[in-house]
Protein backbone atom coordinates (compact mmCIF):
# COMPACT_ATOMS: atom_id res chain seq x y z
CA MET A 1 0.00 0.00 0.00
CA THR A 2 1.47 3.35 -1.02
CA TRP A 3 0.92 6.63 0.76
CA TYR A 4 0.65 10.25 -0.28
CA LEU A 5 0.85 13.40 1.84
CA ARG A 6 -1.72 16.18 1.70
CA LYS A 7 0.65 18.98 2.66
CA GLU A 8 -2.04 21.47 3.61
CA GLU A 9 -3.30 19.19 6.38
CA GLY A 10 -0.27 16.98 7.08
CA ILE A 11 -2.41 13.85 6.75
CA ARG A 12 -0.99 10.67 5.25
CA THR A 13 -3.56 8.46 3.53
CA PRO A 14 -3.40 5.36 1.32
CA SER A 15 -3.31 6.72 -2.22
CA THR A 16 -4.40 3.40 -3.71
CA GLU A 17 -7.67 3.51 -1.76
CA LYS A 18 -8.98 6.92 -2.85
CA ILE A 19 -12.63 6.79 -3.90
CA GLY A 20 -15.11 9.07 -5.65
CA ALA A 21 -14.25 12.43 -4.05
CA PRO A 22 -12.00 15.28 -5.21
CA ASP A 23 -8.52 15.79 -3.82
CA GLY A 24 -8.46 12.40 -2.08
CA LEU A 25 -10.76 13.44 0.78
CA TRP A 26 -12.09 9.91 1.21
CA VAL A 27 -10.45 6.53 1.56
CA LYS A 28 -11.92 3.08 1.19
CA CYS A 29 -11.38 0.62 4.00
CA PRO A 30 -9.66 -2.44 2.52
CA SER A 31 -11.43 -4.66 5.06
CA CYS A 32 -15.10 -3.62 5.00
CA GLY A 33 -15.07 -1.50 1.84
CA LYS A 34 -16.82 1.47 3.44
CA PRO A 35 -15.75 5.06 2.69
CA ILE A 36 -14.08 7.11 5.44
CA HIS A 37 -13.33 10.82 5.37
CA ILE A 38 -9.62 11.34 5.95
CA LYS A 39 -10.23 13.72 8.86
CA GLU A 40 -12.42 11.13 10.57
CA LEU A 41 -9.76 8.49 9.88
CA ALA A 42 -7.04 10.66 11.42
CA GLN A 43 -9.21 11.39 14.46
CA SER A 44 -9.71 7.64 14.98
CA GLN A 45 -5.93 7.05 14.90
CA TYR A 46 -6.19 5.50 11.40
CA VAL A 47 -8.55 2.78 12.59
CA CYS A 48 -11.68 2.16 10.52
CA PRO A 49 -14.65 3.42 12.60
CA HIS A 50 -16.89 0.82 10.93
CA CYS A 51 -14.97 -2.45 11.30
CA GLY A 52 -11.87 -1.66 13.37
CA TYR A 53 -9.36 -2.33 10.58
CA HIS A 54 -5.99 -0.83 11.53
CA PHE A 55 -4.52 1.12 8.63
CA PRO A 56 -0.71 0.90 8.60
CA ILE A 57 0.98 4.00 9.99
CA GLY A 58 4.57 5.03 10.64
CA SER A 59 6.74 6.66 13.26
CA ARG A 60 5.38 10.17 12.67
CA GLU A 61 1.86 9.06 13.44
CA TYR A 62 2.85 6.99 16.48
CA PHE A 63 4.89 9.88 17.90
CA ARG A 64 1.93 12.19 17.39
CA LEU A 65 -0.35 9.66 19.09
CA LEU A 66 1.87 8.91 22.07
CA PHE A 67 3.77 12.02 23.09
CA GLU A 68 2.06 14.87 24.93
CA GLN A 69 1.24 17.60 22.39
CA GLY A 70 3.46 15.60 20.05
CA GLN A 71 6.55 17.02 21.78
CA HIS A 72 9.64 14.80 21.74
CA GLU A 73 13.38 14.78 21.18
CA VAL A 74 14.54 12.66 18.26
CA LEU A 75 17.62 10.55 19.01
CA PHE A 76 20.49 9.17 16.94
CA GLU A 77 19.48 10.54 13.53
CA GLU A 78 23.15 11.24 12.88
CA ILE A 79 23.81 7.48 12.50
CA LEU A 80 23.29 6.80 8.79
CA PRO A 81 23.39 3.63 6.65
CA VAL A 82 26.33 2.82 4.36
CA ASP A 83 27.02 0.14 1.76
CA ALA A 84 29.70 -1.77 3.64
CA LEU A 85 29.51 -4.84 1.38
CA GLY A 86 29.24 -3.15 -2.01
CA PHE A 87 25.97 -5.04 -2.53
CA VAL A 88 24.22 -5.07 -5.91
CA ASP A 89 21.16 -7.04 -6.96
CA SER A 90 18.85 -5.52 -9.58
CA ARG A 91 20.05 -2.12 -8.33
CA PRO A 92 23.00 -1.02 -6.17
CA TYR A 93 22.21 -0.81 -2.46
CA PRO A 94 23.14 2.91 -2.24
CA GLN A 95 20.53 3.60 -4.90
CA ARG A 96 17.92 1.71 -2.90
CA LEU A 97 18.82 3.73 0.20
CA THR A 98 18.57 7.02 -1.68
CA GLU A 99 15.21 6.06 -3.17
CA ALA A 100 13.85 5.01 0.23
CA GLN A 101 15.04 8.23 1.86
CA ARG A 102 13.48 10.34 -0.89
CA LYS A 103 10.22 8.41 -0.87
CA THR A 104 9.69 8.38 2.90
CA GLY A 105 11.51 11.51 4.07
CA LEU A 106 13.26 9.28 6.62
CA THR A 107 16.94 8.46 7.04
CA GLU A 108 16.39 4.83 8.08
CA ALA A 109 13.73 2.25 8.92
CA VAL A 110 13.56 3.20 12.60
CA ARG A 111 13.14 6.50 14.42
CA CYS A 112 13.97 6.86 18.10
CA ALA A 113 12.84 9.55 20.51
CA VAL A 114 12.31 10.47 24.14
CA GLY A 115 9.37 12.38 25.54
CA SER A 116 6.43 12.37 27.94
CA VAL A 117 3.63 9.82 27.66
CA GLY A 118 1.15 10.68 30.37
CA ARG A 119 3.22 11.38 33.46
CA HIS A 120 6.08 9.14 32.34
CA THR A 121 9.21 10.10 30.40
CA VAL A 122 9.73 7.24 27.95
CA ALA A 123 12.34 6.16 25.38
CA VAL A 124 10.58 5.01 22.20
CA ALA A 125 11.75 3.37 18.97
CA VAL A 126 9.31 2.98 16.07
CA MET A 127 9.98 1.06 12.86
CA ASP A 128 8.78 2.32 9.46
CA PHE A 129 7.80 -0.39 6.96
CA GLY A 130 7.90 2.08 4.07
CA PHE A 131 11.70 2.20 4.32
CA ILE A 132 12.87 -1.00 2.55
CA GLY A 133 10.16 -3.05 4.23
CA GLY A 134 11.20 -1.94 7.71
CA SER A 135 14.15 -4.29 7.34
CA MET A 136 16.72 -4.44 10.12
CA GLY A 137 20.09 -3.30 8.85
CA SER A 138 23.10 -2.40 10.93
CA VAL A 139 21.93 1.17 11.54
CA VAL A 140 18.46 0.02 12.60
CA GLY A 141 20.07 -2.34 15.10
CA GLU A 142 22.50 0.33 16.29
CA ARG A 143 19.80 2.95 16.80
CA ILE A 144 17.66 0.50 18.75
CA ALA A 145 20.65 -0.65 20.83
CA ARG A 146 21.51 2.98 21.64
CA THR A 147 17.89 3.70 22.57
CA ILE A 148 17.98 0.77 24.99
CA ARG A 149 21.26 2.05 26.43
CA TYR A 150 19.80 5.58 26.70
CA ALA A 151 16.80 4.21 28.61
CA LEU A 152 19.15 2.23 30.85
CA GLU A 153 21.41 5.19 31.61
CA HIS A 154 18.49 7.53 32.31
CA ARG A 155 16.40 4.89 34.12
CA LEU A 156 13.47 5.27 31.71
CA PRO A 157 10.76 2.83 30.63
CA LEU A 158 11.23 1.58 27.07
CA LEU A 159 8.77 1.06 24.22
CA ILE A 160 9.66 -0.48 20.84
CA ILE A 161 7.01 -0.58 18.10
CA SER A 162 7.91 -3.14 15.45
CA ARG A 163 6.78 -3.33 11.84
CA SER A 164 9.30 -5.18 9.73
CA GLY A 165 9.84 -7.89 7.17
CA GLY A 166 12.98 -9.02 9.01
CA ALA A 167 16.70 -8.78 8.35
CA ARG A 168 18.05 -6.61 5.51
CA MET A 169 19.56 -8.99 2.97
CA MET A 170 21.67 -6.23 1.39
CA GLU A 171 23.80 -6.13 4.55
CA GLY A 172 24.26 -9.88 4.99
CA SER A 173 25.73 -10.96 8.32
CA LEU A 174 26.01 -7.32 9.41
CA SER A 175 22.24 -7.37 9.62
CA LEU A 176 22.02 -10.71 11.40
CA VAL A 177 24.34 -9.70 14.25
CA GLN A 178 21.90 -6.93 15.17
CA MET A 179 19.68 -9.66 16.65
CA ALA A 180 22.35 -10.58 19.18
CA LYS A 181 23.32 -6.96 19.86
CA THR A 182 19.81 -5.74 20.63
CA ALA A 183 19.05 -8.84 22.72
CA ALA A 184 22.26 -8.34 24.73
CA TRP A 185 21.35 -4.73 25.52
CA LEU A 186 17.86 -5.80 26.55
CA ALA A 187 19.41 -8.33 28.92
CA GLN A 188 21.41 -5.52 30.52
CA TYR A 189 18.29 -3.38 30.70
CA ALA A 190 16.33 -6.19 32.36
CA LYS A 191 18.93 -6.60 35.10
CA VAL A 192 18.02 -3.26 36.66
CA GLY A 193 14.30 -4.05 36.65
CA LEU A 194 13.16 -1.38 34.20
CA PRO A 195 10.02 -2.15 32.16
CA TYR A 196 10.29 -2.87 28.44
CA ILE A 197 7.03 -3.00 26.49
CA SER A 198 7.05 -4.35 22.93
CA LEU A 199 4.24 -3.56 20.50
CA MET A 200 4.06 -5.74 17.39
CA THR A 201 2.17 -4.36 14.40
CA ASP A 202 1.42 -5.74 10.96
CA PRO A 203 3.77 -7.30 9.93
CA THR A 204 6.41 -8.22 12.51
CA MET A 205 8.51 -10.96 10.96
CA GLY A 206 11.95 -12.54 10.64
CA GLY A 207 14.92 -11.46 12.72
CA VAL A 208 12.96 -8.67 14.40
CA THR A 209 10.50 -11.21 15.83
CA ALA A 210 13.42 -13.48 16.73
CA SER A 211 15.10 -10.72 18.74
CA PHE A 212 13.81 -7.58 20.43
CA ALA A 213 10.14 -7.77 19.35
CA MET A 214 9.45 -10.89 21.44
CA LEU A 215 11.59 -9.95 24.44
CA GLY A 216 9.26 -7.48 26.11
CA ASP A 217 8.34 -7.75 29.76
CA ILE A 218 4.89 -7.24 28.23
CA ASN A 219 4.32 -8.13 24.57
CA LEU A 220 1.46 -6.23 22.97
CA ALA A 221 0.06 -6.52 19.46
CA GLU A 222 -2.36 -4.63 17.26
CA PRO A 223 -5.42 -6.57 16.04
CA LYS A 224 -4.82 -8.96 13.12
CA ALA A 225 -1.08 -8.20 13.02
CA LEU A 226 0.96 -10.88 11.26
CA ILE A 227 3.64 -12.07 13.70
CA GLY A 228 6.17 -14.80 13.07
CA PHE A 229 9.57 -15.78 11.75
CA ALA A 230 9.13 -17.26 8.27
CA GLY A 231 5.98 -16.40 6.35
CA PRO A 232 3.04 -18.81 6.02
CA ARG A 233 3.86 -19.68 2.38
CA VAL A 234 7.46 -20.57 3.23
CA ILE A 235 6.38 -22.72 6.18
CA ARG A 236 3.72 -24.48 4.11
CA GLU A 237 6.19 -25.25 1.34
CA ALA A 238 8.84 -26.45 3.81
CA THR A 239 6.54 -28.69 5.85
CA GLY A 240 4.08 -29.75 3.19
CA LYS A 241 1.27 -29.29 5.69
CA ASP A 242 -1.77 -27.05 5.86
CA LEU A 243 -1.50 -24.40 8.56
CA PRO A 244 -4.15 -23.70 11.22
CA PRO A 245 -6.70 -20.96 10.42
CA GLY A 246 -5.38 -17.50 11.27
CA PHE A 247 -1.89 -18.92 11.76
CA GLN A 248 0.54 -16.16 12.88
CA GLU A 249 -2.15 -13.52 13.37
CA ALA A 250 -2.04 -11.66 16.68
CA GLU A 251 -5.16 -13.41 17.95
CA PHE A 252 -3.59 -16.84 17.29
CA GLN A 253 -0.40 -15.71 19.06
CA LEU A 254 -2.42 -14.49 22.05
CA GLU A 255 -4.25 -17.79 22.30
CA HIS A 256 -0.94 -19.69 22.27
CA GLY A 257 0.85 -17.50 24.80
CA PHE A 258 3.24 -15.53 22.58
CA VAL A 259 1.39 -12.23 23.05
CA ASP A 260 0.10 -10.88 26.35
CA LEU A 261 -2.51 -8.42 25.13
CA ILE A 262 -4.05 -7.19 21.88
CA VAL A 263 -4.60 -3.44 21.98
CA ASP A 264 -6.80 -1.32 19.74
CA ARG A 265 -4.71 1.64 18.59
CA ARG A 266 -7.37 4.05 19.84
CA GLU A 267 -6.69 2.70 23.35
CA LEU A 268 -2.93 2.33 23.00
CA LYS A 269 -1.81 5.43 24.87
CA SER A 270 -4.18 4.93 27.81
CA THR A 271 -3.20 1.25 28.02
CA LEU A 272 0.51 2.07 28.04
CA VAL A 273 0.06 4.72 30.72
CA ARG A 274 -1.83 2.27 32.95
CA LEU A 275 0.88 -0.36 32.46
CA TRP A 276 3.66 2.10 33.31
CA ASP A 277 1.67 3.34 36.31
CA MET A 278 1.68 -0.25 37.61
CA LEU A 279 5.25 -1.13 36.60
CA CYS A 280 6.99 2.13 37.49
CA GLY A 281 5.04 3.10 40.59
């Protein structure tokens, strides 16, 4: 799903779902098919008011949702990706990075910040799927590791919102070692008893699921989020077996103990504040 930006209102909407109104004022819910005015959609935190479908959003929208008056300090933007391996597939990796940066207005697939959520000062990292599928390259891993360290040094609660296809193949083993690095920092963070909440959104897959996304003291998920390591098609082809209905959806993961709570985005901030009230005192 592609997005466009209406600059006069600062509202991001799915350009492929525009229907029957001038200037893209309406979008069509891909789940129930009903039209939604973009202002109503923004007011409902990009959740369909008719069926509860959660439109995909990025770090800008989550920061606006979570932080008081949207005020926050962005961290570690100076750490930028490079082509350490000289990787080329159908296009050189530097070209892919430049295209992703131009398309999204982001420097990488994760943005990190610190700010107030309710009465709590919180360190937050949010992944953006629009940047090369939210893949975890070395800079993504480094920014997340530094955010964990920042939360540890300042004794802050930590929130990581994941939306990723997994490791970034263009960085090879440099991408894979980010799993161990982020997990090691979370182990250090856990030793001092600070609360780490992980929110998994659609999709959270691959090495991200196999590392920091599943290591929360409390693991949350948005409704219907796809959560797993390999995708359903790969698993089906490897095992030769039919998969259970809803396999890898958040509701299936909740039923089988991999997720602690499914949270409607419209209730996300209040839920997080209640959890931190309990965990932080």
